[in-house]
Protein backbone atom coordinates (compact mmCIF):
# COMPACT_ATOMS: atom_id res chain seq x y z
CA MET A 1 -10.15 8.27 29.95
CA THR A 2 -11.47 6.67 26.89
CA ASN A 3 -11.11 2.79 26.74
CA ILE A 4 -11.37 0.30 23.99
CA THR A 5 -14.61 -1.76 24.54
CA ASN A 6 -14.66 -4.05 21.45
CA ILE A 7 -12.78 -4.75 18.19
CA SER A 8 -14.43 -6.45 15.29
CA VAL A 9 -13.89 -7.23 11.77
CA ILE A 10 -15.83 -7.54 8.47
CA GLY A 11 -14.24 -9.58 5.67
CA LEU A 12 -15.11 -8.34 2.21
CA GLU A 13 -14.71 -9.95 -1.44
CA HIS A 14 -15.48 -8.56 -4.82
CA ARG A 15 -15.67 -11.59 -7.22
CA LEU A 16 -14.56 -10.54 -10.63
CA GLY A 17 -15.34 -13.55 -12.75
CA GLU A 18 -12.68 -15.67 -14.66
CA ASN A 19 -13.32 -13.87 -17.63
CA ARG A 20 -12.16 -10.54 -16.16
CA ALA A 21 -9.34 -11.95 -14.18
CA TYR A 22 -6.04 -9.81 -14.04
CA GLY A 23 -2.74 -9.94 -12.13
CA MET A 24 1.10 -10.35 -12.34
CA ALA A 25 3.74 -12.59 -13.45
CA ARG A 26 3.19 -14.93 -10.57
CA GLY A 27 -0.58 -15.41 -11.94
CA LEU A 28 -3.84 -13.98 -12.17
CA VAL A 29 -6.67 -13.12 -9.63
CA SER A 30 -10.33 -13.36 -10.01
CA VAL A 31 -11.16 -12.04 -6.52
CA ARG A 32 -10.19 -8.87 -4.67
CA ASN A 33 -10.68 -9.20 -0.88
CA THR A 34 -9.76 -7.03 2.31
CA ASN A 35 -10.98 -6.84 5.74
CA LEU A 36 -12.65 -3.76 7.73
CA VAL A 37 -11.51 -3.61 11.29
CA PHE A 38 -13.50 -1.65 13.84
CA VAL A 39 -12.27 -0.33 17.22
CA GLU A 40 -15.06 0.74 19.46
CA THR A 41 -14.70 2.96 22.86
CA ASP A 42 -16.65 3.71 25.77
CA ASP A 43 -17.16 7.09 24.51
CA GLY A 44 -19.35 5.85 21.69
CA ILE A 45 -16.78 6.43 19.13
CA THR A 46 -15.92 3.89 16.52
CA GLY A 47 -12.73 3.96 14.35
CA VAL A 48 -12.47 2.13 11.01
CA GLY A 49 -9.20 0.62 9.65
CA GLU A 50 -8.10 -2.08 6.98
CA ALA A 51 -6.31 -5.28 7.18
CA SER A 52 -4.85 -7.06 4.26
CA GLY A 53 -5.02 -10.94 3.99
CA PRO A 54 -7.43 -13.83 3.62
CA CYS A 55 -10.70 -13.04 5.53
CA SER A 56 -10.60 -16.14 7.62
CA MET A 57 -6.95 -15.57 8.68
CA VAL A 58 -7.55 -11.96 9.62
CA SER A 59 -10.72 -13.08 11.90
CA ALA A 60 -8.52 -15.80 13.50
CA ALA A 61 -5.63 -13.24 14.15
CA LEU A 62 -8.18 -10.71 15.68
CA ASP A 63 -9.31 -13.65 18.09
CA LEU A 64 -5.98 -13.95 19.37
CA LEU A 65 -5.17 -10.11 19.49
CA LYS A 66 -8.41 -8.66 21.11
CA PRO A 67 -7.53 -9.62 24.70
CA TYR A 68 -4.38 -7.45 24.63
CA PHE A 69 -6.43 -4.31 23.61
CA ILE A 70 -9.78 -4.67 25.35
CA GLY A 71 -9.98 -2.36 28.29
CA ARG A 72 -6.85 -0.31 27.32
CA ASN A 73 -6.96 3.45 26.94
CA LEU A 74 -7.39 4.12 23.32
CA TYR A 75 -4.35 6.41 23.43
CA ASP A 76 -2.15 3.50 24.52
CA HIS A 77 -2.97 1.37 21.68
CA SER A 78 0.54 1.70 19.99
CA GLN A 79 2.02 -0.08 23.14
CA VAL A 80 0.48 -3.43 22.34
CA PRO A 81 2.41 -4.50 19.20
CA ALA A 82 5.91 -4.41 20.81
CA TYR A 83 4.63 -6.13 23.83
CA PHE A 84 2.86 -8.96 21.80
CA TYR A 85 5.63 -9.58 19.53
CA ALA A 86 8.12 -9.96 22.59
CA GLN A 87 5.53 -12.27 24.37
CA ARG A 88 4.51 -14.37 21.41
CA TYR A 89 7.97 -14.08 19.53
CA HIS A 90 7.56 -17.59 18.37
CA LEU A 91 4.65 -16.65 16.06
CA GLY A 92 7.01 -14.43 13.99
CA ILE A 93 6.12 -10.99 12.21
CA GLN A 94 5.85 -11.91 8.57
CA ASN A 95 2.32 -12.91 8.76
CA THR A 96 -1.42 -11.96 9.17
CA LEU A 97 -0.98 -11.01 12.83
CA THR A 98 0.80 -7.95 11.71
CA SER A 99 -1.69 -7.03 8.95
CA CYS A 100 -4.45 -7.32 11.74
CA LEU A 101 -2.32 -5.09 14.01
CA GLY A 102 -2.11 -2.54 11.26
CA GLY A 103 -6.10 -2.64 10.80
CA ILE A 104 -6.48 -2.06 14.48
CA ASP A 105 -3.71 0.87 14.52
CA ILE A 106 -5.32 2.55 11.61
CA ALA A 107 -8.98 2.13 13.37
CA ALA A 108 -7.47 3.74 16.56
CA HIS A 109 -6.05 6.70 14.63
CA ASP A 110 -9.42 7.18 13.07
CA ALA A 111 -11.13 6.98 16.45
CA ILE A 112 -8.65 9.35 18.22
CA GLY A 113 -9.06 11.84 15.36
CA LYS A 114 -12.89 11.75 15.74
CA LEU A 115 -12.40 12.18 19.58
CA ALA A 116 -10.14 15.30 19.06
CA ASN A 117 -12.18 16.65 16.07
CA VAL A 118 -8.91 16.60 13.82
CA PRO A 119 -7.96 14.79 10.60
CA VAL A 120 -5.39 12.00 11.11
CA TYR A 121 -2.80 13.78 9.32
CA GLN A 122 -2.77 16.04 11.99
CA LEU A 123 -2.00 13.18 14.29
CA LEU A 124 1.06 12.43 12.05
CA GLY A 125 2.76 15.87 12.06
CA GLY A 126 0.60 17.88 10.18
CA LEU A 127 -0.57 18.57 6.47
CA ASN A 128 2.16 18.97 3.72
CA GLU A 129 0.04 18.78 0.82
CA ARG A 130 -3.76 18.57 0.32
CA ARG A 131 -3.54 16.92 -3.16
CA VAL A 132 -1.35 14.03 -3.08
CA PRO A 133 0.20 13.02 -6.55
CA ALA A 134 -0.30 9.68 -7.58
CA TYR A 135 0.89 7.27 -10.33
CA ALA A 136 -1.70 5.03 -12.11
CA SER A 137 -0.91 1.44 -11.27
CA ASP A 138 -2.15 -0.89 -13.84
CA GLY A 139 -0.87 -2.52 -17.02
CA TYR A 140 -2.00 -5.86 -15.67
CA PHE A 141 -1.43 -9.20 -17.42
CA ALA A 142 -4.86 -10.27 -18.50
CA ALA A 143 -6.82 -11.94 -21.55
CA HIS A 144 -6.80 -8.49 -23.40
CA PRO A 145 -4.38 -8.08 -26.21
CA LYS A 146 -1.35 -5.60 -25.83
CA ASP A 147 -2.93 -2.98 -28.24
CA GLN A 148 -5.73 -2.53 -25.49
CA LEU A 149 -2.84 -2.02 -23.05
CA ALA A 150 -1.67 0.96 -25.15
CA ASP A 151 -4.97 2.36 -25.20
CA GLN A 152 -5.19 2.15 -21.46
CA LEU A 153 -1.84 3.75 -20.70
CA LYS A 154 -2.74 6.72 -23.11
CA ALA A 155 -5.78 7.29 -21.05
CA PHE A 156 -3.76 7.52 -17.86
CA ARG A 157 -1.43 9.92 -19.48
CA ASP A 158 -4.38 12.07 -20.64
CA LYS A 159 -5.81 12.08 -17.07
CA GLY A 160 -2.75 13.86 -15.85
CA PHE A 161 -0.98 11.05 -13.98
CA ALA A 162 2.76 12.02 -13.44
CA GLY A 163 3.63 8.05 -13.63
CA VAL A 164 2.16 5.03 -14.61
CA LYS A 165 3.29 1.36 -13.37
CA ILE A 166 2.88 -1.88 -15.54
CA LYS A 167 3.58 -5.44 -14.67
CA ILE A 168 6.40 -7.36 -16.29
CA GLY A 169 8.37 -10.38 -15.04
CA ARG A 170 7.38 -13.38 -17.46
CA ASP A 171 10.75 -13.33 -19.11
CA PRO A 172 13.33 -10.58 -20.24
CA VAL A 173 12.33 -10.44 -23.87
CA ASP A 174 8.56 -10.05 -22.96
CA ASP A 175 9.67 -7.30 -20.59
CA GLU A 176 11.32 -5.28 -23.22
CA GLU A 177 8.27 -5.77 -25.50
CA ARG A 178 5.96 -4.44 -22.80
CA VAL A 179 8.05 -1.42 -21.74
CA SER A 180 8.68 -0.48 -25.37
CA LEU A 181 4.87 -0.45 -26.05
CA ALA A 182 4.49 1.45 -22.70
CA ARG A 183 6.85 4.16 -23.44
CA GLU A 184 5.59 4.67 -27.01
CA ALA A 185 2.04 5.09 -25.60
CA LEU A 186 2.94 7.46 -22.67
CA GLY A 187 5.51 9.45 -24.36
CA PRO A 188 8.92 10.62 -23.05
CA ASP A 189 7.65 12.83 -20.20
CA VAL A 190 5.26 10.48 -18.04
CA GLN A 191 7.47 8.40 -15.55
CA LEU A 192 7.10 4.66 -16.07
CA MET A 193 7.67 2.17 -13.41
CA VAL A 194 7.77 -1.57 -13.72
CA ASP A 195 6.80 -4.25 -11.34
CA VAL A 196 8.13 -7.92 -11.34
CA ASN A 197 6.16 -9.16 -8.08
CA GLY A 198 9.39 -11.10 -7.09
CA ASN A 199 9.26 -13.43 -9.88
CA TYR A 200 13.07 -13.21 -10.88
CA THR A 201 16.31 -14.27 -9.35
CA VAL A 202 19.31 -11.82 -9.55
CA ASP A 203 20.81 -13.02 -12.85
CA ILE A 204 17.28 -12.93 -14.60
CA ALA A 205 16.63 -9.50 -13.08
CA LEU A 206 19.94 -8.14 -14.36
CA ARG A 207 19.20 -9.62 -17.82
CA SER A 208 15.79 -7.81 -17.71
CA MET A 209 17.26 -4.52 -16.59
CA SER A 210 20.04 -4.47 -19.28
CA ARG A 211 17.24 -4.56 -21.77
CA LEU A 212 15.22 -1.84 -20.28
CA GLN A 213 18.21 0.78 -19.87
CA GLY A 214 17.18 2.77 -22.78
CA TYR A 215 13.47 3.39 -21.89
CA ASN A 216 13.87 5.74 -18.99
CA VAL A 217 12.31 3.45 -16.24
CA GLN A 218 11.58 5.33 -13.07
CA PHE A 219 12.11 2.34 -10.84
CA TYR A 220 12.17 -1.44 -11.07
CA GLU A 221 9.73 -2.92 -8.49
CA GLU A 222 10.26 -6.08 -6.60
CA PRO A 223 12.64 -7.92 -8.81
CA LEU A 224 13.28 -10.69 -6.12
CA THR A 225 11.28 -12.45 -3.59
CA PRO A 226 10.44 -9.93 -0.60
CA THR A 227 13.00 -11.38 2.00
CA ASP A 228 15.99 -12.19 -0.32
CA PHE A 229 18.02 -9.53 1.60
CA SER A 230 21.39 -11.03 0.27
CA GLY A 231 19.93 -11.11 -3.26
CA TYR A 232 18.81 -7.37 -2.90
CA ALA A 233 22.12 -6.26 -1.82
CA THR A 234 23.98 -7.97 -4.75
CA LEU A 235 21.28 -6.73 -7.32
CA HIS A 236 21.39 -3.07 -6.03
CA SER A 237 25.01 -2.91 -6.15
CA ARG A 238 24.72 -3.90 -9.94
CA SER A 239 21.44 -2.53 -11.07
CA PRO A 240 21.29 0.38 -13.72
CA ILE A 241 17.81 1.18 -12.70
CA PRO A 242 16.55 2.23 -9.28
CA ILE A 243 15.14 -0.43 -7.18
CA ALA A 244 11.91 -0.23 -5.37
CA THR A 245 10.67 -2.74 -2.69
CA GLY A 246 8.82 -3.20 0.47
CA GLU A 247 5.27 -3.85 -0.24
CA ALA A 248 5.37 -7.45 1.36
CA LEU A 249 7.77 -6.39 4.36
CA TYR A 250 6.12 -6.45 7.78
CA THR A 251 7.19 -4.19 10.50
CA PRO A 252 9.99 -1.56 10.71
CA HIS A 253 12.33 -4.41 11.52
CA GLU A 254 12.46 -5.80 7.87
CA PHE A 255 12.93 -2.32 6.57
CA LYS A 256 15.90 -1.96 9.28
CA ARG A 257 17.41 -4.96 7.39
CA LEU A 258 16.72 -3.40 3.86
CA MET A 259 18.62 -0.26 5.15
CA ASP A 260 21.55 -2.17 6.59
CA ILE A 261 22.29 -3.87 3.45
CA ASN A 262 21.52 -0.82 1.10
CA GLY A 263 19.14 -3.06 -0.80
CA ALA A 264 16.95 -0.47 -2.61
CA ASP A 265 16.51 3.03 -3.74
CA ILE A 266 12.67 3.55 -2.94
CA TRP A 267 10.77 2.02 -0.02
CA GLN A 268 7.18 0.98 -0.49
CA PRO A 269 5.46 0.19 2.87
CA ASP A 270 1.82 -1.02 2.76
CA LEU A 271 -0.09 0.40 5.89
CA THR A 272 -2.59 -2.53 5.82
CA LEU A 273 0.43 -5.29 5.87
CA CYS A 274 3.31 -3.37 7.88
CA GLY A 275 1.39 -2.55 11.02
CA GLY A 276 -0.60 0.59 10.32
CA LEU A 277 0.19 4.16 10.55
CA SER A 278 2.27 3.78 13.76
CA ALA A 279 4.86 1.44 12.04
CA ALA A 280 4.58 3.48 8.73
CA ARG A 281 5.83 6.42 10.69
CA GLU A 282 8.85 4.46 12.17
CA ILE A 283 9.55 3.45 8.71
CA SER A 284 9.55 6.74 7.36
CA THR A 285 12.00 7.99 9.96
CA LEU A 286 14.31 5.02 8.87
CA ALA A 287 13.96 6.19 5.34
CA ARG A 288 14.69 9.82 6.09
CA LEU A 289 17.81 8.93 8.33
CA SER A 290 19.11 6.80 5.55
CA HIS A 291 18.08 9.18 2.68
CA MET A 292 15.68 6.80 1.04
CA ARG A 293 12.71 7.82 -1.21
CA LEU A 294 9.31 6.77 0.04
CA SER A 295 6.50 5.48 -2.08
CA PRO A 296 3.58 3.85 -0.18
CA HIS A 297 2.18 0.63 -1.81
CA VAL A 298 -1.70 0.57 -1.96
CA TRP A 299 -3.51 -2.36 -3.31
CA GLY A 300 -6.48 -2.88 -1.13
CA GLY A 301 -9.86 -1.03 -0.42
CA ALA A 302 -10.84 2.30 0.18
CA VAL A 303 -10.12 2.54 3.79
CA GLY A 304 -6.52 1.68 3.41
CA LEU A 305 -6.25 4.16 0.44
CA SER A 306 -7.61 6.85 2.92
CA ALA A 307 -5.09 5.91 5.47
CA ALA A 308 -2.34 6.05 2.94
CA LEU A 309 -3.30 9.46 1.79
CA HIS A 310 -3.29 10.86 5.40
CA PHE A 311 0.15 9.28 5.90
CA HIS A 312 1.57 10.62 2.54
CA SER A 313 0.08 13.92 2.89
CA ALA A 314 2.01 14.46 6.21
CA GLN A 315 5.48 13.31 4.73
CA VAL A 316 8.07 15.86 4.12
CA ALA A 317 10.21 15.38 0.86
CA TRP A 318 13.52 15.08 2.59
CA PRO A 319 15.98 16.24 1.64
CA HIS A 320 14.45 18.52 -0.68
CA THR A 321 12.90 21.88 0.10
CA ASP A 322 11.30 24.25 -2.62
CA ASN A 323 12.26 22.18 -5.54
CA VAL A 324 11.46 18.37 -5.43
CA PRO A 325 13.00 16.73 -8.66
CA TYR A 326 10.76 13.78 -8.37
CA PRO A 327 7.87 14.24 -5.98
CA PRO A 328 7.17 11.16 -4.04
CA LEU A 329 3.98 9.38 -5.66
CA LEU A 330 1.34 7.30 -4.06
CA GLU A 331 0.31 4.33 -5.76
CA TYR A 332 -3.38 4.36 -7.10
CA ASP A 333 -4.32 0.88 -8.21
CA GLN A 334 -6.49 1.12 -11.38
CA GLY A 335 -7.67 -2.59 -11.59
CA GLU A 336 -11.35 -3.37 -11.20
CA ASN A 337 -12.00 -3.27 -7.50
CA ALA A 338 -15.41 -2.25 -6.03
CA LEU A 339 -13.75 -2.49 -2.39
CA ARG A 340 -11.71 0.76 -3.47
CA ASP A 341 -14.65 2.42 -5.69
CA LYS A 342 -17.93 1.60 -3.95
CA LEU A 343 -17.30 1.38 -0.17
CA LEU A 344 -17.61 5.11 0.81
CA THR A 345 -20.57 7.39 0.50
CA ALA A 346 -18.15 10.00 -1.07
CA PRO A 347 -15.43 8.27 -3.00
CA ILE A 348 -11.87 9.71 -2.80
CA ALA A 349 -11.55 12.40 -5.56
CA CYS A 350 -8.80 12.21 -8.16
CA ILE A 351 -8.18 15.54 -10.00
CA ASP A 352 -5.52 15.82 -12.61
CA GLY A 353 -3.71 12.77 -11.38
CA HIS A 354 -3.81 13.92 -7.66
CA LEU A 355 -5.58 12.16 -5.00
CA VAL A 356 -7.42 14.67 -2.61
CA VAL A 357 -7.00 14.03 1.12
CA PRO A 358 -10.37 13.50 2.87
CA GLU A 359 -11.77 16.32 5.10
CA GLY A 360 -13.32 15.99 8.44
CA PRO A 361 -12.23 14.31 11.72
CA GLY A 362 -10.35 11.05 11.70
CA LEU A 363 -9.83 9.48 8.34
CA GLY A 364 -12.73 11.77 7.21
CA ILE A 365 -14.70 9.00 5.33
CA GLU A 366 -17.98 7.46 5.91
CA LEU A 367 -18.78 3.92 4.92
CA ASP A 368 -21.64 3.13 2.46
CA TRP A 369 -23.25 0.16 4.56
CA ASP A 370 -25.30 -1.08 1.58
CA ALA A 371 -22.07 -1.63 -0.25
CA VAL A 372 -20.38 -3.18 2.81
CA GLU A 373 -23.28 -5.78 3.04
CA THR A 374 -23.15 -6.39 -0.62
CA TYR A 375 -19.59 -7.45 -0.48
CA ARG A 376 -19.50 -8.97 3.07
CA VAL A 377 -18.22 -12.47 3.49
CA THR A 378 -17.87 -12.97 7.24
CA ARG A 379 -20.06 -12.18 10.41
CA ASN A 380 -19.14 -9.25 12.57
CA LEU A 381 -16.96 -10.81 15.39
């Protein structure tokens, strides 16, 4: 029997500097941060996961969660969240506790894979594709002029990405200007997605969508605040463009609500926010049963990206078989982020717009500890 002996966290930050800040309609960021979560066992195996959220808050959440895991059989780790939510129901689920549970869950899967000497995707049902098609997620609001945006998008097209996502959401007129520029730069064949980051209300989103109908937009992401479920139900019934959302929904319960109201066409769970690989599998089952497309959201570090790759590679493109009209794409953030690009001894390979699933037991990755120490902001707890 393999028991959990300790769980710890290391908070990481990459400071960009104000002159290199970038972001979304809600504002720009000059710091990228994430948290590495470690699950240690009495067999000497350590698994690593990732949790989104402010470093101090994830550390505080772990202080509360650790007693529920220490001494438990590693293989029983997925029993804890339901018990915790039921016992501490007054704390809610739309918070850092859930993202911390996700980091623990990812780390536990990594440890189990190492113990069994199998990659994580084998624990999730087996490999469906070794090279995962991705879309380049960039087109951020920033200080650079729009002509540089066009050059950026052309570079993504030339690298073989099947799709590119850009930020919109400042106002409908500006939305059309950015989308027109993007479509001209990408040409007619590259999928174009747009992201509002929840900055609109239903009426403003409809105005924006009406302006974008002629540009062949593949999906319109997060038009409303994440938990405006009644708004999503209304908007989805009237939208001329497929709606994607879910990056800021925590636990499968929130996706069940999204399913019940028929509020979107594409679901975007983020493993470092929604509860990890165990929760993502439940969300995937809900999506398949309701005939929804799944396109995981990734905007953190290398460990979260690795976990998302294993998850995505094990998904079946339901209800398709040999011919998939629009293969599900994994988000591949292209913004400056050392926590994605420098944390591993062997960075994740991107070939012709496809991300290669890491080989080896567990997540198949090895941390570069010099890089971890460079960006470390908290002590190992």
